[in-house]
Amino acid sequence: LDYARFRQICDDVGAYLMADMAHVAGIVAAGLIPSPFEWADIVTTTTHKTLRGPRAGVIFFRKGVRSTKANGDKVLYDLEERINQAVFPSLQGGPHNNAVAGIATAFKQAKSAEFKAYQTQVLKNAKVLCDGLISRGYQVATGGTDVHLVLVDVRKAGLTGAKAEYILEEVGIACNKNTVPGDKSALNPSGIRLGTPALTTRGLAEQDI
């Protein structure tokens, strides 16, 4: 994603830039794809998925000076209180200390060389999966993948996303139905989404995909 371009657009209209990296946070942490942190005012992420932590979420936000007016007066960010109030008491109650400890452990692992090697393998496996599907006549919605996910259009196989999801689950392959370009309903999509993080965690490499 071209975060610098998003930043320029937001600056032109006086908007905040919020980036959600829930799916790719682990790959960002490993330094394998661009990070939104240099450009975004707010960054949100889950802590499971590619970060491999407990099911939770994290909100990062900027503090301090946002901009300077023509007369030299500084405009400060006003995000902290608004976000904190929205989380608690508006949406969330008491913290779960076991989950907090799990998040801390996941973040510590994300700083390790082993984690970068793991994410590198995740991307290699995803490319093999993607190329294999294309070689067998399946249409990948984006023409390839740069991350851990492959979005497959199953219409040419005479399937809906829901039917493909059901058939694959019956043979022990977990996936989920997903919209693809051209779909008119998110309730009856024409694609499925496949990913490689779990397979890679279990030790699978390119030859196993």
Foldseek 3Di string as FASTA:
>chain_A
DPLVVVLVVCVVVVHFFEEECAQCVLVVLLVNDDDNVVRGQKYKYFCPHLLNFDGDMDIDGDWDFDDADPVGDTDTDPPPVVVVVCVPPNPDDDDDVVRVVRSVVSVVVSNDPVSSVLQVQLQQQQQLVQVVCVVVPWDFQVNGDRHFKTKTQCVVVVDWQVVVQVVCVVVPAHWHGAAGPPDPDRVTHRIIMDGRNVVSVVPDGSVRD
